[in-house]
Amino acid sequence: MAVNLPLFPSVSTYMPGSTTNALVDRELLDCDALLRDLKLNLNATQSRMQVQHDRHRSERQFEVVYMVYLRLQPYRQATIAKRTNQKLAG
């Protein structure tokens, strides 16, 4: 069962005027603005990376009669051949 974690940690936003110290108030407002900018930049970067990934991706469909080359990763090959020292087997 997959657990869906939020993309960003939940940080409550600062309510302006909830502190009597003006310097603390300004710092907390600046921190909120910085977090907002970071979230926007992260979303923009993730969408650019997704577009770049999708640009090089091609949809492939195979039928039962096709012969295909299957490349197994080293950690997946453990099911095919048991090795005593997996780290040095590569």
C-alpha atoms as a PDB file:
ATOM      1  CA  MET A   1       0.000   0.000   0.000  1.00  0.00           C
ATOM      2  CA  ALA A   2       1.509   3.318  -1.079  1.00  0.00           C
ATOM      3  CA  VAL A   3       1.452   6.267   1.293  1.00  0.00           C
ATOM      4  CA  ASN A   4       0.875   9.659  -0.290  1.00  0.00           C
ATOM      5  CA  LEU A   5       3.060  12.189   1.449  1.00  0.00           C
ATOM      6  CA  PRO A   6       2.496  15.904   0.951  1.00  0.00           C
ATOM      7  CA  LEU A   7       4.867  17.606  -1.452  1.00  0.00           C
ATOM      8  CA  PHE A   8       5.732  20.284   1.073  1.00  0.00           C
ATOM      9  CA  PRO A   9       5.881  20.013   4.837  1.00  0.00           C
ATOM     10  CA  SER A  10       2.976  21.733   6.470  1.00  0.00           C
ATOM     11  CA  VAL A  11       4.173  25.063   7.821  1.00  0.00           C
ATOM     12  CA  SER A  12       1.502  27.356   9.108  1.00  0.00           C
ATOM     13  CA  THR A  13       1.639  30.859   7.704  1.00  0.00           C
ATOM     14  CA  TYR A  14       2.181  33.774   9.992  1.00  0.00           C
ATOM     15  CA  MET A  15      -0.791  35.976  10.715  1.00  0.00           C
ATOM     16  CA  PRO A  16       0.375  39.618  10.550  1.00  0.00           C
ATOM     17  CA  GLY A  17      -0.022  41.526  13.780  1.00  0.00           C
ATOM     18  CA  SER A  18      -0.128  38.500  16.073  1.00  0.00           C
ATOM     19  CA  THR A  19       3.026  39.666  17.837  1.00  0.00           C
ATOM     20  CA  THR A  20       3.680  42.978  19.527  1.00  0.00           C
ATOM     21  CA  ASN A  21       7.318  43.191  18.416  1.00  0.00           C
ATOM     22  CA  ALA A  22       7.597  44.907  15.022  1.00  0.00           C
ATOM     23  CA  LEU A  23      10.994  43.363  14.249  1.00  0.00           C
ATOM     24  CA  VAL A  24       9.726  39.821  14.879  1.00  0.00           C
ATOM     25  CA  ASP A  25       6.629  40.610  12.839  1.00  0.00           C
ATOM     26  CA  ARG A  26       8.746  41.750   9.879  1.00  0.00           C
ATOM     27  CA  GLU A  27      11.071  38.715  10.110  1.00  0.00           C
ATOM     28  CA  LEU A  28       8.160  36.288  10.133  1.00  0.00           C
ATOM     29  CA  LEU A  29       6.557  38.029   7.151  1.00  0.00           C
ATOM     30  CA  ASP A  30       9.883  37.849   5.283  1.00  0.00           C
ATOM     31  CA  CYS A  31      10.171  34.159   6.147  1.00  0.00           C
ATOM     32  CA  ASP A  32       6.669  33.509   4.762  1.00  0.00           C
ATOM     33  CA  ALA A  33       7.519  35.381   1.571  1.00  0.00           C
ATOM     34  CA  LEU A  34      10.712  33.359   1.201  1.00  0.00           C
ATOM     35  CA  LEU A  35       8.861  30.070   1.690  1.00  0.00           C
ATOM     36  CA  ARG A  36       6.264  31.113  -0.882  1.00  0.00           C
ATOM     37  CA  ASP A  37       8.996  31.960  -3.406  1.00  0.00           C
ATOM     38  CA  LEU A  38      10.793  28.676  -2.732  1.00  0.00           C
ATOM     39  CA  LYS A  39       7.590  26.692  -3.310  1.00  0.00           C
ATOM     40  CA  LEU A  40       6.934  28.517  -6.582  1.00  0.00           C
ATOM     41  CA  ASN A  41      10.499  27.918  -7.776  1.00  0.00           C
ATOM     42  CA  LEU A  42      10.355  24.264  -6.787  1.00  0.00           C
ATOM     43  CA  ASN A  43       7.079  23.758  -8.661  1.00  0.00           C
ATOM     44  CA  ALA A  44       8.451  25.514 -11.754  1.00  0.00           C
ATOM     45  CA  THR A  45      11.624  23.408 -11.652  1.00  0.00           C
ATOM     46  CA  GLN A  46       9.689  20.177 -11.218  1.00  0.00           C
ATOM     47  CA  SER A  47       7.434  20.990 -14.163  1.00  0.00           C
ATOM     48  CA  ARG A  48      10.470  21.797 -16.352  1.00  0.00           C
ATOM     49  CA  MET A  49      12.079  18.511 -15.367  1.00  0.00           C
ATOM     50  CA  GLN A  50       8.845  16.632 -16.112  1.00  0.00           C
ATOM     51  CA  VAL A  51       8.592  18.229 -19.573  1.00  0.00           C
ATOM     52  CA  GLN A  52      12.224  17.337 -20.297  1.00  0.00           C
ATOM     53  CA  HIS A  53      11.648  13.758 -19.139  1.00  0.00           C
ATOM     54  CA  ASP A  54       8.477  13.382 -21.188  1.00  0.00           C
ATOM     55  CA  ARG A  55      10.207  14.787 -24.279  1.00  0.00           C
ATOM     56  CA  HIS A  56      12.588  11.807 -24.357  1.00  0.00           C
ATOM     57  CA  ARG A  57       9.981   9.223 -23.471  1.00  0.00           C
ATOM     58  CA  SER A  58       8.249   7.153 -26.115  1.00  0.00           C
ATOM     59  CA  GLU A  59       5.244   4.914 -25.702  1.00  0.00           C
ATOM     60  CA  ARG A  60       6.003   1.329 -26.667  1.00  0.00           C
ATOM     61  CA  GLN A  61       3.632  -1.550 -27.123  1.00  0.00           C
ATOM     62  CA  PHE A  62       4.722  -5.135 -27.555  1.00  0.00           C
ATOM     63  CA  GLU A  63       2.860  -8.207 -28.603  1.00  0.00           C
ATOM     64  CA  VAL A  64       3.541 -11.784 -27.523  1.00  0.00           C
ATOM     65  CA  VAL A  65       5.356 -12.638 -30.791  1.00  0.00           C
ATOM     66  CA  TYR A  66       7.996  -9.865 -30.380  1.00  0.00           C
ATOM     67  CA  MET A  67      11.499 -10.692 -29.182  1.00  0.00           C
ATOM     68  CA  VAL A  68      12.772  -8.031 -26.802  1.00  0.00           C
ATOM     69  CA  TYR A  69      16.039  -7.508 -24.950  1.00  0.00           C
ATOM     70  CA  LEU A  70      15.564  -7.536 -21.192  1.00  0.00           C
ATOM     71  CA  ARG A  71      18.160  -5.760 -19.096  1.00  0.00           C
ATOM     72  CA  LEU A  72      18.111  -6.603 -15.416  1.00  0.00           C
ATOM     73  CA  GLN A  73      19.578  -4.308 -12.801  1.00  0.00           C
ATOM     74  CA  PRO A  74      22.081  -5.896 -10.384  1.00  0.00           C
ATOM     75  CA  TYR A  75      19.716  -5.727  -7.433  1.00  0.00           C
ATOM     76  CA  ARG A  76      17.021  -7.429  -9.509  1.00  0.00           C
ATOM     77  CA  GLN A  77      19.342 -10.250 -10.595  1.00  0.00           C
ATOM     78  CA  ALA A  78      19.383 -11.605  -7.054  1.00  0.00           C
ATOM     79  CA  THR A  79      16.226 -13.521  -7.887  1.00  0.00           C
ATOM     80  CA  ILE A  80      17.966 -15.255 -10.807  1.00  0.00           C
ATOM     81  CA  ALA A  81      21.349 -16.127  -9.293  1.00  0.00           C
ATOM     82  CA  LYS A  82      22.090 -16.213  -5.582  1.00  0.00           C
ATOM     83  CA  ARG A  83      25.462 -14.681  -4.694  1.00  0.00           C
ATOM     84  CA  THR A  84      27.241 -14.810  -1.369  1.00  0.00           C
ATOM     85  CA  ASN A  85      28.417 -11.189  -1.497  1.00  0.00           C
ATOM     86  CA  GLN A  86      25.991  -9.043  -3.467  1.00  0.00           C
ATOM     87  CA  LYS A  87      28.056  -5.849  -3.165  1.00  0.00           C
ATOM     88  CA  LEU A  88      31.173  -7.368  -4.778  1.00  0.00           C
ATOM     89  CA  ALA A  89      29.308  -9.469  -7.361  1.00  0.00           C
ATOM     90  CA  GLY A  90      29.024  -6.660  -9.953  1.00  0.00           C
END
